Amino acid sequence: MPATSFTSLPILGNHVATSPSVASSTSGSDHLTLAVLGCGTMGVTILKRILDQLAEMDAPRPLQVITSSASVASMSALYSSHASSAAGAAGATSAAGAPDDMPDRLPTHFLACVRRPEVGKRVRAALWSHSSAVKVVVDDNVHAVQQAGVVILACQSSEAEDLLAAPGMARALSGKLLISICAGITADQVEEYLYGSSPDAAALTVATTDAVSSAHGRCRIVRAIPNAASLIGESMTVIDTATSTGALPADLVALVTWIFRRIGSVVHHPHQSLTKPAKTAAASRAAASSAAASTALGTAGPAFFALMLEAAIDGAVAMGMSRAEAQLMAAQSMRGAAGLVLQNNEHPALLRDRISTPGGCAVHGLLALEEGGVRSTIARAMREATAAAAQEGSQ
């Protein structure tokens, strides 16, 4: 595929508005460029889901069939509702059905940055249906960041320091939004890789976040932690909406949230803002513990559930089922149980109670699980994972 020139990249739709909060170096004030550094599997997944959503938002609406009994008033209401929702209704829900707060600006240009040409070929192939809107950049990260207003750091953790310490990278990121999804790399570490230190906390108590960010010539760094289910649009992403330069402005929170709702559901965990010191040490510890628990549950949870799934499959196979059939039934049963909890927003114990009919197989199996200490073992596993996440965040 011939390389797409950056200046010829099209705008996908007309759902953007001017906003000074995110810097953009592209031509035209309404253009917002999103660059993905280290665009591997996760980066491609995020880009594809964003581009699919923008294409859906831009697609023509089907014609509505008005029956003869419809009044002029009802037809007017129908058309006015389509007009008011055209800019965002198609993409205004997450995978879990939560409404989106549509950001003032959506990305219109996309840069997928890779180190090697062969990786670039794979990225082009994966994003072929959107090839007119995406430019693959090979081994030229700094130039790509100069063209972008929002940057996603998606490289391997072992590559992050060299990538961010590259000559000109800190300057290219100045005043922009950097979203790190690197596993095991904290926002403070990203700050150190770029600038060698964090901004003076005392300064943040006497100045606005915009003024501090401008004075230090730094970017805003946001950490987002998706999980493996991103590949099928079922991620549980934890987003830290506080940055080293203070709390993230509402318009940028909306933009980051919109991006990650393309791959699943989102929760926010703002740490104690540097501009608002914790009232008590206990409150600060509770906030940090809650954030670590969210990280552990969101990222390690799928591994825990995979082990439970594997155990159920093995048990069924031991009783004579084929492994393929047991895997299908167990996975669908787990999926159905999770769907019921999410759909009805009820405590899992209520579902368990409804299934456990007197003398039935469910209650006998549950008694065996309780005797084996499964409940306490799983809870202990969560505590251990939370402690590990907290230790990672303090490094």
Foldseek 3Di string as FASTA:
>chain_A
DDFADQLQQFFLDDLADADPQFDAPHPDRRAAEEEEAACDDLNLLLVQLLVVQSNVLRDDDDDDDDDPPDDPVNVVVVVVVCVVCSSPPSQQQFPLGDGAPAFNHAHGAYEYEDADVVRLVVSCVSCVVSSSRYGYHYRDVLVSLLRHREYEYDREPVCLLVVQLPPNNFLSQFSGEYEYQHPLAALQNSVCSNPVGFPDLVVLQPDPLSVSSNVVRGHWYKYKHWEPQLNVLATEIEIAQATSSWGHDPSVVSRVLSSSSSSHHYDYQHQPTSNHDDPDPVVNVVSLLVSLLSNLCRYVVVVVVVVVLVVQLVVVVVVPDDSVVSSVVSVVVVVVLVVVCSVVVDDSVVVLVVVDDPPDPSVVVVVVCVVVVVVVVVVVVSVVSSVVSSVSNVD
